[in-house]
Amino acid sequence: MKETVAIKKKRLIAERREVIISAAIACFKKNGFHRTGMAEIATTSRLSVGQIYRYFNDKDEIIEAAVRYFIAKNISQRLNLSCPVGVMADKLAHRRVNNTADESEEEDGLMLEVWKEAHIQKNIAKIVQVAERKFHDQFRLTLQKKFPFLSEEDAKARVEIMVVLCDGINLRRGVTTNVSERFLKPLYQYILGGLFPINKVAQDE
């Protein structure tokens, strides 16, 4: 089916906005929200400042779009933790909630920046709250499907514990630990085994 002029224009706008958002995130990771200027975002995206203003009214609007994008990515990575207990325990023991160690480390600074900004700006706080509610609901439904014996409140409680574990790992990743992963993993397995008993997994799993 041939692409209409209107559809093509809409697609090009979406693609250009994504380029700007990706460039902005790279800048925010490096310098934070407030130390990043429009000129830097323009240089990184290989666009002019004037071109950027065709797609975003100001830097605050770019920050909001970047936060939405980053939170959505962070949520999808958390949902990947609905995997076997041994795998989850290994990820936690190695402080690797995300896909790779390098990816985890480079996301930490931006996540802290988002949390800090959420305490200052109501619009950012609202974005984070909506995204977190969405994540909690998705993860809860995933757990209830996998563990039918869980009530809604039981599932909510387990989601909260997993969020605390994952966010705690993210916050402490930059701190040197003198505890070996060899000792941490079985403890995490014990904790997770109590939360998600293998013998009560749904039969179709």
N, C-alpha and C. Protein backbone atom coordinates (compact mmCIF):
# COMPACT_ATOMS: atom_id res chain seq x y z
N MET A 1 0.84 -1.19 0.00
CA MET A 1 0.00 0.00 0.00
C MET A 1 0.88 1.25 0.00
N LYS A 2 0.58 2.15 -0.93
CA LYS A 2 1.40 3.35 -1.06
C LYS A 2 1.19 4.29 0.12
N GLU A 3 2.28 4.83 0.63
CA GLU A 3 2.24 5.73 1.77
C GLU A 3 1.70 7.09 1.35
N THR A 4 0.68 7.57 2.04
CA THR A 4 0.12 8.88 1.71
C THR A 4 1.05 9.97 2.21
N VAL A 5 0.85 11.18 1.69
CA VAL A 5 1.69 12.32 2.09
C VAL A 5 1.57 12.57 3.59
N ALA A 6 0.33 12.49 4.11
CA ALA A 6 0.09 12.75 5.54
C ALA A 6 0.77 11.72 6.42
N ILE A 7 0.68 10.43 6.01
CA ILE A 7 1.30 9.36 6.79
C ILE A 7 2.81 9.48 6.75
N LYS A 8 3.35 9.80 5.58
CA LYS A 8 4.79 9.96 5.45
C LYS A 8 5.30 11.10 6.32
N LYS A 9 4.56 12.21 6.32
CA LYS A 9 4.94 13.37 7.14
C LYS A 9 4.93 13.01 8.62
N LYS A 10 3.89 12.28 9.03
CA LYS A 10 3.78 11.86 10.43
C LYS A 10 4.93 10.95 10.82
N ARG A 11 5.30 10.04 9.91
CA ARG A 11 6.41 9.11 10.18
C ARG A 11 7.73 9.85 10.29
N LEU A 12 7.96 10.79 9.40
CA LEU A 12 9.20 11.55 9.41
C LEU A 12 9.32 12.40 10.68
N ILE A 13 8.20 12.97 11.12
CA ILE A 13 8.20 13.75 12.36
C ILE A 13 8.56 12.85 13.54
N ALA A 14 7.95 11.66 13.59
CA ALA A 14 8.22 10.72 14.68
C ALA A 14 9.69 10.29 14.67
N GLU A 15 10.24 10.04 13.48
CA GLU A 15 11.64 9.64 13.37
C GLU A 15 12.58 10.75 13.81
N ARG A 16 12.25 11.99 13.41
CA ARG A 16 13.10 13.12 13.79
C ARG A 16 13.04 13.37 15.30
N ARG A 17 11.86 13.23 15.88
CA ARG A 17 11.72 13.40 17.33
C ARG A 17 12.53 12.32 18.07
N GLU A 18 12.52 11.10 17.54
CA GLU A 18 13.27 10.01 18.18
C GLU A 18 14.77 10.28 18.14
N VAL A 19 15.24 10.84 17.02
CA VAL A 19 16.66 11.19 16.90
C VAL A 19 17.03 12.23 17.95
N ILE A 20 16.17 13.23 18.12
CA ILE A 20 16.42 14.30 19.10
C ILE A 20 16.40 13.76 20.52
N ILE A 21 15.42 12.89 20.81
CA ILE A 21 15.30 12.31 22.15
C ILE A 21 16.52 11.46 22.48
N SER A 22 16.96 10.62 21.51
CA SER A 22 18.14 9.78 21.73
C SER A 22 19.38 10.62 21.98
N ALA A 23 19.52 11.71 21.21
CA ALA A 23 20.66 12.61 21.40
C ALA A 23 20.59 13.28 22.76
N ALA A 24 19.39 13.69 23.15
CA ALA A 24 19.21 14.36 24.45
C ALA A 24 19.56 13.41 25.59
N ILE A 25 19.12 12.16 25.50
CA ILE A 25 19.41 11.18 26.54
C ILE A 25 20.92 10.98 26.68
N ALA A 26 21.61 10.90 25.55
CA ALA A 26 23.07 10.75 25.58
C ALA A 26 23.71 11.95 26.29
N CYS A 27 23.20 13.14 26.03
CA CYS A 27 23.72 14.35 26.68
C CYS A 27 23.37 14.38 28.17
N PHE A 28 22.14 13.98 28.50
CA PHE A 28 21.70 13.98 29.90
C PHE A 28 22.52 12.99 30.72
N LYS A 29 22.85 11.83 30.13
CA LYS A 29 23.67 10.84 30.83
C LYS A 29 25.04 11.41 31.17
N LYS A 30 25.54 12.22 30.26
CA LYS A 30 26.89 12.78 30.41
C LYS A 30 26.91 13.98 31.35
N ASN A 31 25.95 14.88 31.22
CA ASN A 31 26.00 16.17 31.94
C ASN A 31 24.82 16.46 32.86
N GLY A 32 23.79 15.59 32.86
CA GLY A 32 22.61 15.90 33.66
C GLY A 32 21.65 16.79 32.90
N PHE A 33 20.45 16.94 33.43
CA PHE A 33 19.43 17.73 32.75
C PHE A 33 19.81 19.21 32.64
N HIS A 34 20.20 19.78 33.76
CA HIS A 34 20.35 21.23 33.80
C HIS A 34 21.65 21.74 33.22
N ARG A 35 22.66 20.88 33.13
CA ARG A 35 23.94 21.30 32.54
C ARG A 35 24.00 21.03 31.04
N THR A 36 22.93 20.47 30.52
CA THR A 36 22.86 20.21 29.07
C THR A 36 22.12 21.35 28.39
N GLY A 37 22.73 21.91 27.37
CA GLY A 37 22.11 23.00 26.63
C GLY A 37 21.56 22.53 25.30
N MET A 38 20.70 23.36 24.70
CA MET A 38 20.10 23.02 23.41
C MET A 38 21.18 22.87 22.33
N ALA A 39 22.23 23.68 22.42
CA ALA A 39 23.30 23.62 21.42
C ALA A 39 23.97 22.25 21.43
N GLU A 40 24.16 21.69 22.64
CA GLU A 40 24.79 20.38 22.75
C GLU A 40 23.89 19.29 22.17
N ILE A 41 22.59 19.40 22.47
CA ILE A 41 21.63 18.42 21.92
C ILE A 41 21.62 18.52 20.40
N ALA A 42 21.67 19.74 19.88
CA ALA A 42 21.67 19.95 18.43
C ALA A 42 22.91 19.32 17.80
N THR A 43 24.06 19.54 18.42
CA THR A 43 25.31 18.99 17.88
C THR A 43 25.28 17.47 17.88
N THR A 44 24.81 16.89 18.98
CA THR A 44 24.76 15.43 19.10
C THR A 44 23.78 14.82 18.10
N SER A 45 22.67 15.51 17.85
CA SER A 45 21.66 15.00 16.92
C SER A 45 21.96 15.37 15.47
N ARG A 46 23.02 16.18 15.28
CA ARG A 46 23.42 16.65 13.95
C ARG A 46 22.31 17.48 13.30
N LEU A 47 21.64 18.26 14.12
CA LEU A 47 20.61 19.19 13.65
C LEU A 47 20.96 20.57 14.16
N SER A 48 20.29 21.57 13.64
CA SER A 48 20.47 22.92 14.16
C SER A 48 19.50 23.13 15.31
N VAL A 49 19.78 24.11 16.15
CA VAL A 49 18.86 24.43 17.25
C VAL A 49 17.50 24.81 16.68
N GLY A 50 17.51 25.55 15.58
CA GLY A 50 16.25 25.95 14.95
C GLY A 50 15.42 24.75 14.51
N GLN A 51 16.09 23.73 13.97
CA GLN A 51 15.38 22.51 13.55
C GLN A 51 14.75 21.80 14.75
N ILE A 52 15.47 21.78 15.86
CA ILE A 52 14.94 21.12 17.05
C ILE A 52 13.66 21.81 17.52
N TYR A 53 13.63 23.13 17.45
CA TYR A 53 12.45 23.87 17.89
C TYR A 53 11.23 23.64 17.00
N ARG A 54 11.42 23.01 15.86
CA ARG A 54 10.28 22.64 15.02
C ARG A 54 9.52 21.45 15.61
N TYR A 55 10.24 20.69 16.45
CA TYR A 55 9.65 19.46 17.00
C TYR A 55 9.39 19.53 18.50
N PHE A 56 10.08 20.43 19.18
CA PHE A 56 9.89 20.61 20.63
C PHE A 56 9.87 22.10 20.94
N ASN A 57 8.97 22.49 21.84
CA ASN A 57 8.84 23.91 22.18
C ASN A 57 10.03 24.43 22.98
N ASP A 58 10.57 23.58 23.86
CA ASP A 58 11.70 24.01 24.69
C ASP A 58 12.40 22.79 25.28
N LYS A 59 13.44 23.03 26.06
CA LYS A 59 14.21 21.92 26.63
C LYS A 59 13.38 21.12 27.62
N ASP A 60 12.48 21.78 28.36
CA ASP A 60 11.64 21.05 29.32
C ASP A 60 10.80 19.99 28.62
N GLU A 61 10.32 20.32 27.43
CA GLU A 61 9.51 19.36 26.67
C GLU A 61 10.38 18.17 26.22
N ILE A 62 11.62 18.45 25.89
CA ILE A 62 12.55 17.37 25.52
C ILE A 62 12.83 16.49 26.73
N ILE A 63 13.01 17.13 27.91
CA ILE A 63 13.24 16.38 29.15
C ILE A 63 12.08 15.44 29.43
N GLU A 64 10.84 15.95 29.29
CA GLU A 64 9.66 15.12 29.53
C GLU A 64 9.64 13.92 28.58
N ALA A 65 9.91 14.17 27.30
CA ALA A 65 9.90 13.09 26.31
C ALA A 65 11.01 12.08 26.62
N ALA A 66 12.18 12.57 27.01
CA ALA A 66 13.30 11.70 27.34
C ALA A 66 12.99 10.84 28.57
N VAL A 67 12.36 11.44 29.57
CA VAL A 67 11.99 10.70 30.79
C VAL A 67 11.00 9.60 30.45
N ARG A 68 10.00 9.92 29.62
CA ARG A 68 9.02 8.90 29.22
C ARG A 68 9.71 7.73 28.52
N TYR A 69 10.61 8.05 27.61
CA TYR A 69 11.33 7.04 26.85
C TYR A 69 12.19 6.19 27.78
N PHE A 70 12.92 6.83 28.66
CA PHE A 70 13.84 6.13 29.55
C PHE A 70 13.09 5.26 30.55
N ILE A 71 12.01 5.79 31.12
CA ILE A 71 11.21 5.03 32.08
C ILE A 71 10.61 3.80 31.41
N ALA A 72 10.11 3.96 30.18
CA ALA A 72 9.53 2.83 29.45
C ALA A 72 10.58 1.74 29.24
N LYS A 73 11.80 2.15 28.89
CA LYS A 73 12.89 1.19 28.69
C LYS A 73 13.24 0.50 30.01
N ASN A 74 13.31 1.30 31.08
CA ASN A 74 13.64 0.76 32.40
C ASN A 74 12.60 -0.25 32.85
N ILE A 75 11.33 0.03 32.55
CA ILE A 75 10.24 -0.87 32.93
C ILE A 75 10.34 -2.18 32.16
N SER A 76 10.63 -2.10 30.86
CA SER A 76 10.73 -3.33 30.07
C SER A 76 11.86 -4.21 30.58
N GLN A 77 12.95 -3.60 31.07
CA GLN A 77 14.06 -4.37 31.61
C GLN A 77 13.69 -5.00 32.94
N ARG A 78 12.93 -4.29 33.74
CA ARG A 78 12.47 -4.87 35.01
C ARG A 78 11.58 -6.06 34.76
N LEU A 79 10.68 -5.94 33.76
CA LEU A 79 9.76 -7.02 33.47
C LEU A 79 10.50 -8.28 33.02
N ASN A 80 11.71 -8.11 32.49
CA ASN A 80 12.51 -9.26 32.10
C ASN A 80 12.94 -10.08 33.31
N LEU A 81 12.74 -9.53 34.50
CA LEU A 81 13.10 -10.27 35.71
C LEU A 81 12.08 -11.35 36.06
N SER A 82 10.98 -11.42 35.27
CA SER A 82 10.02 -12.50 35.50
C SER A 82 10.55 -13.76 34.82
N CYS A 83 11.74 -14.16 35.22
CA CYS A 83 12.45 -15.30 34.65
C CYS A 83 12.76 -16.28 35.77
N PRO A 84 13.40 -17.42 35.50
CA PRO A 84 13.68 -18.40 36.56
C PRO A 84 14.41 -17.78 37.75
N VAL A 85 14.11 -18.31 38.93
CA VAL A 85 14.67 -17.79 40.18
C VAL A 85 16.20 -17.76 40.14
N GLY A 86 16.80 -18.82 39.61
CA GLY A 86 18.26 -18.88 39.55
C GLY A 86 18.85 -17.76 38.72
N VAL A 87 18.18 -17.41 37.62
CA VAL A 87 18.64 -16.32 36.75
C VAL A 87 18.49 -14.98 37.47
N MET A 88 17.34 -14.80 38.12
CA MET A 88 17.11 -13.56 38.87
C MET A 88 18.15 -13.39 39.97
N ALA A 89 18.41 -14.47 40.70
CA ALA A 89 19.38 -14.43 41.80
C ALA A 89 20.77 -14.07 41.28
N ASP A 90 21.12 -14.62 40.13
CA ASP A 90 22.43 -14.35 39.54
C ASP A 90 22.54 -12.87 39.13
N LYS A 91 21.47 -12.33 38.54
CA LYS A 91 21.46 -10.92 38.14
C LYS A 91 21.64 -10.02 39.36
N LEU A 92 20.91 -10.32 40.44
CA LEU A 92 20.99 -9.50 41.64
C LEU A 92 22.36 -9.63 42.30
N ALA A 93 22.88 -10.84 42.36
CA ALA A 93 24.19 -11.06 42.99
C ALA A 93 25.30 -10.31 42.26
N HIS A 94 25.17 -10.19 40.94
CA HIS A 94 26.18 -9.50 40.14
C HIS A 94 25.83 -8.03 39.90
N ARG A 95 24.78 -7.56 40.59
CA ARG A 95 24.32 -6.16 40.44
C ARG A 95 24.09 -5.82 38.97
N ARG A 96 23.43 -6.71 38.30
CA ARG A 96 23.20 -6.53 36.87
C ARG A 96 21.73 -6.74 36.56
N VAL A 97 20.92 -5.72 36.91
CA VAL A 97 19.49 -5.81 36.67
C VAL A 97 19.19 -5.71 35.18
N ASN A 98 19.96 -4.86 34.46
CA ASN A 98 19.76 -4.69 33.03
C ASN A 98 20.46 -5.80 32.26
N ASN A 99 20.50 -5.67 30.94
CA ASN A 99 21.00 -6.76 30.11
C ASN A 99 22.50 -6.99 30.23
N THR A 100 23.29 -5.91 30.36
CA THR A 100 24.74 -6.05 30.46
C THR A 100 25.27 -5.13 31.55
N ALA A 101 26.44 -5.44 32.05
CA ALA A 101 27.04 -4.61 33.10
C ALA A 101 27.28 -3.20 32.61
N ASP A 102 27.79 -3.06 31.38
CA ASP A 102 28.08 -1.72 30.85
C ASP A 102 26.80 -0.92 30.70
N GLU A 103 25.74 -1.58 30.20
CA GLU A 103 24.48 -0.89 30.02
C GLU A 103 23.93 -0.43 31.36
N SER A 104 24.04 -1.30 32.38
CA SER A 104 23.56 -0.95 33.71
C SER A 104 24.26 0.28 34.25
N GLU A 105 25.58 0.32 34.13
CA GLU A 105 26.36 1.41 34.69
C GLU A 105 26.02 2.75 34.03
N GLU A 106 25.86 2.74 32.71
CA GLU A 106 25.59 4.01 32.03
C GLU A 106 24.18 4.51 32.26
N GLU A 107 23.26 3.60 32.67
CA GLU A 107 21.89 4.03 32.96
C GLU A 107 21.75 4.61 34.37
N ASP A 108 22.65 4.24 35.28
CA ASP A 108 22.51 4.63 36.68
C ASP A 108 22.40 6.13 36.87
N GLY A 109 23.32 6.87 36.24
CA GLY A 109 23.34 8.32 36.42
C GLY A 109 22.06 8.96 35.99
N LEU A 110 21.51 8.53 34.85
CA LEU A 110 20.28 9.12 34.36
C LEU A 110 19.09 8.77 35.24
N MET A 111 19.08 7.53 35.77
CA MET A 111 17.99 7.14 36.65
C MET A 111 17.98 7.99 37.91
N LEU A 112 19.16 8.25 38.48
CA LEU A 112 19.26 9.11 39.65
C LEU A 112 18.82 10.53 39.32
N GLU A 113 19.17 10.98 38.12
CA GLU A 113 18.77 12.31 37.68
C GLU A 113 17.25 12.41 37.56
N VAL A 114 16.64 11.36 37.04
CA VAL A 114 15.17 11.33 36.90
C VAL A 114 14.52 11.39 38.27
N TRP A 115 15.01 10.58 39.23
CA TRP A 115 14.43 10.58 40.57
C TRP A 115 14.59 11.95 41.23
N LYS A 116 15.77 12.54 41.07
CA LYS A 116 16.01 13.86 41.66
C LYS A 116 15.06 14.89 41.06
N GLU A 117 14.91 14.84 39.75
CA GLU A 117 14.04 15.81 39.06
C GLU A 117 12.58 15.61 39.45
N ALA A 118 12.20 14.36 39.71
CA ALA A 118 10.82 14.07 40.10
C ALA A 118 10.46 14.70 41.44
N HIS A 119 11.47 14.94 42.28
CA HIS A 119 11.23 15.60 43.57
C HIS A 119 11.15 17.12 43.43
N ILE A 120 11.55 17.61 42.26
CA ILE A 120 11.58 19.06 42.05
C ILE A 120 10.44 19.52 41.14
N GLN A 121 10.22 18.77 40.06
CA GLN A 121 9.24 19.18 39.06
C GLN A 121 8.02 18.27 39.09
N LYS A 122 6.84 18.86 39.23
CA LYS A 122 5.61 18.08 39.31
C LYS A 122 5.33 17.31 38.02
N ASN A 123 5.67 17.92 36.88
CA ASN A 123 5.39 17.24 35.61
C ASN A 123 6.23 15.97 35.46
N ILE A 124 7.49 16.02 35.91
CA ILE A 124 8.34 14.82 35.86
C ILE A 124 7.85 13.79 36.87
N ALA A 125 7.46 14.26 38.06
CA ALA A 125 6.93 13.34 39.09
C ALA A 125 5.71 12.59 38.57
N LYS A 126 4.84 13.31 37.84
CA LYS A 126 3.62 12.68 37.31
C LYS A 126 3.97 11.61 36.27
N ILE A 127 4.95 11.91 35.40
CA ILE A 127 5.37 10.94 34.39
C ILE A 127 5.89 9.68 35.06
N VAL A 128 6.73 9.85 36.08
CA VAL A 128 7.31 8.71 36.79
C VAL A 128 6.23 7.91 37.49
N GLN A 129 5.30 8.60 38.15
CA GLN A 129 4.23 7.91 38.87
C GLN A 129 3.34 7.09 37.95
N VAL A 130 2.96 7.68 36.81
CA VAL A 130 2.13 6.96 35.84
C VAL A 130 2.86 5.73 35.32
N ALA A 131 4.15 5.91 34.99
CA ALA A 131 4.95 4.81 34.47
C ALA A 131 5.11 3.70 35.51
N GLU A 132 5.35 4.08 36.77
CA GLU A 132 5.51 3.09 37.83
C GLU A 132 4.23 2.30 38.06
N ARG A 133 3.08 3.00 38.01
CA ARG A 133 1.79 2.31 38.17
C ARG A 133 1.59 1.30 37.05
N LYS A 134 1.97 1.71 35.84
CA LYS A 134 1.84 0.82 34.68
C LYS A 134 2.71 -0.42 34.87
N PHE A 135 3.95 -0.20 35.33
CA PHE A 135 4.86 -1.32 35.56
C PHE A 135 4.31 -2.25 36.63
N HIS A 136 3.86 -1.69 37.75
CA HIS A 136 3.33 -2.50 38.84
C HIS A 136 2.18 -3.37 38.35
N ASP A 137 1.28 -2.78 37.57
CA ASP A 137 0.12 -3.52 37.06
C ASP A 137 0.55 -4.64 36.12
N GLN A 138 1.49 -4.33 35.21
CA GLN A 138 1.97 -5.34 34.26
C GLN A 138 2.66 -6.50 34.97
N PHE A 139 3.54 -6.17 35.91
CA PHE A 139 4.29 -7.20 36.63
C PHE A 139 3.35 -8.02 37.50
N ARG A 140 2.37 -7.36 38.13
CA ARG A 140 1.41 -8.07 38.97
C ARG A 140 0.64 -9.10 38.15
N LEU A 141 0.17 -8.69 36.97
CA LEU A 141 -0.59 -9.60 36.11
C LEU A 141 0.28 -10.77 35.65
N THR A 142 1.55 -10.48 35.36
CA THR A 142 2.49 -11.54 34.96
C THR A 142 2.65 -12.56 36.09
N LEU A 143 2.79 -12.05 37.31
CA LEU A 143 2.97 -12.94 38.47
C LEU A 143 1.72 -13.76 38.73
N GLN A 144 0.55 -13.14 38.64
CA GLN A 144 -0.69 -13.87 38.92
C GLN A 144 -0.97 -14.94 37.88
N LYS A 145 -0.50 -14.71 36.66
CA LYS A 145 -0.65 -15.73 35.63
C LYS A 145 0.29 -16.91 35.90
N LYS A 146 1.50 -16.58 36.33
CA LYS A 146 2.50 -17.62 36.58
C LYS A 146 2.25 -18.33 37.91
N PHE A 147 1.73 -17.58 38.91
CA PHE A 147 1.45 -18.14 40.24
C PHE A 147 -0.02 -17.87 40.59
N PRO A 148 -0.92 -18.71 40.10
CA PRO A 148 -2.36 -18.49 40.27
C PRO A 148 -2.82 -18.41 41.73
N PHE A 149 -2.04 -18.96 42.65
CA PHE A 149 -2.44 -18.95 44.06
C PHE A 149 -2.34 -17.56 44.68
N LEU A 150 -1.63 -16.64 44.00
CA LEU A 150 -1.45 -15.29 44.55
C LEU A 150 -2.71 -14.44 44.40
N SER A 151 -3.12 -13.81 45.49
CA SER A 151 -4.20 -12.83 45.40
C SER A 151 -3.62 -11.55 44.81
N GLU A 152 -4.48 -10.61 44.49
CA GLU A 152 -4.00 -9.34 43.94
C GLU A 152 -3.07 -8.64 44.91
N GLU A 153 -3.43 -8.64 46.19
CA GLU A 153 -2.60 -7.97 47.21
C GLU A 153 -1.27 -8.70 47.42
N ASP A 154 -1.31 -10.05 47.38
CA ASP A 154 -0.07 -10.83 47.50
C ASP A 154 0.89 -10.49 46.35
N ALA A 155 0.33 -10.42 45.15
CA ALA A 155 1.14 -10.12 43.97
C ALA A 155 1.71 -8.70 44.05
N LYS A 156 0.88 -7.76 44.49
CA LYS A 156 1.34 -6.37 44.65
C LYS A 156 2.52 -6.28 45.62
N ALA A 157 2.41 -7.03 46.71
CA ALA A 157 3.47 -7.01 47.72
C ALA A 157 4.78 -7.56 47.14
N ARG A 158 4.68 -8.62 46.35
CA ARG A 158 5.88 -9.20 45.74
C ARG A 158 6.49 -8.26 44.70
N VAL A 159 5.65 -7.57 43.96
CA VAL A 159 6.15 -6.58 43.00
C VAL A 159 6.93 -5.50 43.73
N GLU A 160 6.37 -5.03 44.83
CA GLU A 160 7.03 -3.97 45.60
C GLU A 160 8.40 -4.43 46.12
N ILE A 161 8.47 -5.67 46.59
CA ILE A 161 9.74 -6.20 47.09
C ILE A 161 10.76 -6.28 45.96
N MET A 162 10.32 -6.72 44.78
CA MET A 162 11.23 -6.81 43.63
C MET A 162 11.71 -5.43 43.20
N VAL A 163 10.82 -4.45 43.25
CA VAL A 163 11.20 -3.08 42.89
C VAL A 163 12.26 -2.56 43.86
N VAL A 164 12.03 -2.79 45.16
CA VAL A 164 12.99 -2.35 46.18
C VAL A 164 14.35 -3.02 45.97
N LEU A 165 14.34 -4.33 45.67
CA LEU A 165 15.59 -5.05 45.42
C LEU A 165 16.31 -4.48 44.20
N CYS A 166 15.58 -4.31 43.10
CA CYS A 166 16.20 -3.84 41.85
C CYS A 166 16.70 -2.40 41.99
N ASP A 167 15.87 -1.53 42.56
CA ASP A 167 16.28 -0.14 42.71
C ASP A 167 17.43 -0.02 43.69
N GLY A 168 17.42 -0.86 44.74
CA GLY A 168 18.53 -0.85 45.69
C GLY A 168 19.83 -1.28 45.02
N ILE A 169 19.74 -2.28 44.14
CA ILE A 169 20.91 -2.73 43.39
C ILE A 169 21.44 -1.59 42.53
N ASN A 170 20.53 -0.89 41.85
CA ASN A 170 20.94 0.22 40.98
C ASN A 170 21.65 1.31 41.78
N LEU A 171 21.13 1.62 42.97
CA LEU A 171 21.71 2.68 43.79
C LEU A 171 23.08 2.28 44.34
N ARG A 172 23.26 1.00 44.65
CA ARG A 172 24.51 0.56 45.29
C ARG A 172 25.56 0.06 44.31
N ARG A 173 25.23 0.07 43.02
CA ARG A 173 26.16 -0.52 42.06
C ARG A 173 27.51 0.21 42.02
N GLY A 174 27.49 1.51 42.30
CA GLY A 174 28.73 2.27 42.28
C GLY A 174 29.55 2.14 43.55
N VAL A 175 29.01 1.41 44.54
CA VAL A 175 29.70 1.24 45.82
C VAL A 175 30.45 -0.10 45.81
N THR A 176 31.70 -0.06 46.19
CA THR A 176 32.50 -1.28 46.23
C THR A 176 32.01 -2.20 47.35
N THR A 177 31.83 -3.46 47.03
CA THR A 177 31.40 -4.42 48.04
C THR A 177 32.50 -5.45 48.29
N ASN A 178 32.60 -5.91 49.53
CA ASN A 178 33.61 -6.93 49.84
C ASN A 178 32.95 -8.29 50.02
N VAL A 179 31.72 -8.42 49.50
CA VAL A 179 31.00 -9.70 49.58
C VAL A 179 31.01 -10.37 48.21
N SER A 180 31.42 -11.61 48.17
CA SER A 180 31.50 -12.34 46.91
C SER A 180 30.11 -12.71 46.39
N GLU A 181 29.96 -12.67 45.06
CA GLU A 181 28.70 -13.09 44.42
C GLU A 181 28.38 -14.54 44.77
N ARG A 182 29.43 -15.32 45.05
CA ARG A 182 29.26 -16.74 45.39
C ARG A 182 28.44 -16.92 46.66
N PHE A 183 28.55 -15.95 47.59
CA PHE A 183 27.79 -16.01 48.84
C PHE A 183 26.43 -15.30 48.71
N LEU A 184 26.39 -14.29 47.84
CA LEU A 184 25.15 -13.53 47.67
C LEU A 184 24.09 -14.32 46.91
N LYS A 185 24.51 -15.03 45.88
CA LYS A 185 23.53 -15.71 45.02
C LYS A 185 22.63 -16.68 45.78
N PRO A 186 23.16 -17.59 46.63
CA PRO A 186 22.26 -18.50 47.33
C PRO A 186 21.30 -17.79 48.28
N LEU A 187 21.74 -16.65 48.85
CA LEU A 187 20.85 -15.89 49.72
C LEU A 187 19.71 -15.26 48.92
N TYR A 188 20.05 -14.71 47.74
CA TYR A 188 19.01 -14.18 46.87
C TYR A 188 18.07 -15.29 46.41
N GLN A 189 18.63 -16.48 46.14
CA GLN A 189 17.80 -17.61 45.74
C GLN A 189 16.82 -17.99 46.86
N TYR A 190 17.31 -17.93 48.09
CA TYR A 190 16.46 -18.25 49.25
C TYR A 190 15.30 -17.25 49.34
N ILE A 191 15.63 -15.96 49.21
CA ILE A 191 14.60 -14.91 49.28
C ILE A 191 13.59 -15.07 48.14
N LEU A 192 14.11 -15.21 46.92
CA LEU A 192 13.24 -15.30 45.75
C LEU A 192 12.45 -16.60 45.74
N GLY A 193 13.05 -17.67 46.25
CA GLY A 193 12.34 -18.94 46.33
C GLY A 193 11.13 -18.86 47.24
N GLY A 194 11.24 -18.04 48.29
CA GLY A 194 10.10 -17.84 49.18
C GLY A 194 9.01 -17.00 48.54
N LEU A 195 9.44 -16.05 47.71
CA LEU A 195 8.46 -15.18 47.03
C LEU A 195 7.78 -15.90 45.87
N PHE A 196 8.57 -16.73 45.15
CA PHE A 196 8.07 -17.37 43.94
C PHE A 196 8.36 -18.87 43.98
N PRO A 197 7.60 -19.64 44.78
CA PRO A 197 7.85 -21.08 44.92
C PRO A 197 7.64 -21.82 43.60
N ILE A 198 8.68 -22.55 43.17
CA ILE A 198 8.64 -23.24 41.88
C ILE A 198 7.53 -24.28 41.83
N ASN A 199 7.25 -24.94 42.98
CA ASN A 199 6.25 -26.01 42.98
C ASN A 199 4.82 -25.49 42.82
N LYS A 200 4.66 -24.16 42.81
CA LYS A 200 3.31 -23.60 42.64
C LYS A 200 3.16 -22.81 41.34
N VAL A 201 4.09 -23.03 40.42
CA VAL A 201 3.98 -22.39 39.10
C VAL A 201 2.82 -23.00 38.34
N ALA A 202 2.10 -22.19 37.55
CA ALA A 202 0.97 -22.68 36.77
C ALA A 202 1.41 -23.84 35.88
N GLN A 203 0.54 -24.82 35.66
CA GLN A 203 0.88 -26.04 34.95
C GLN A 203 1.27 -25.80 33.49
N ASP A 204 0.76 -24.72 32.89
CA ASP A 204 1.05 -24.48 31.48
C ASP A 204 2.40 -23.78 31.29
N GLU A 205 3.14 -23.50 32.41
CA GLU A 205 4.45 -22.83 32.28
C GLU A 205 5.49 -23.84 31.83
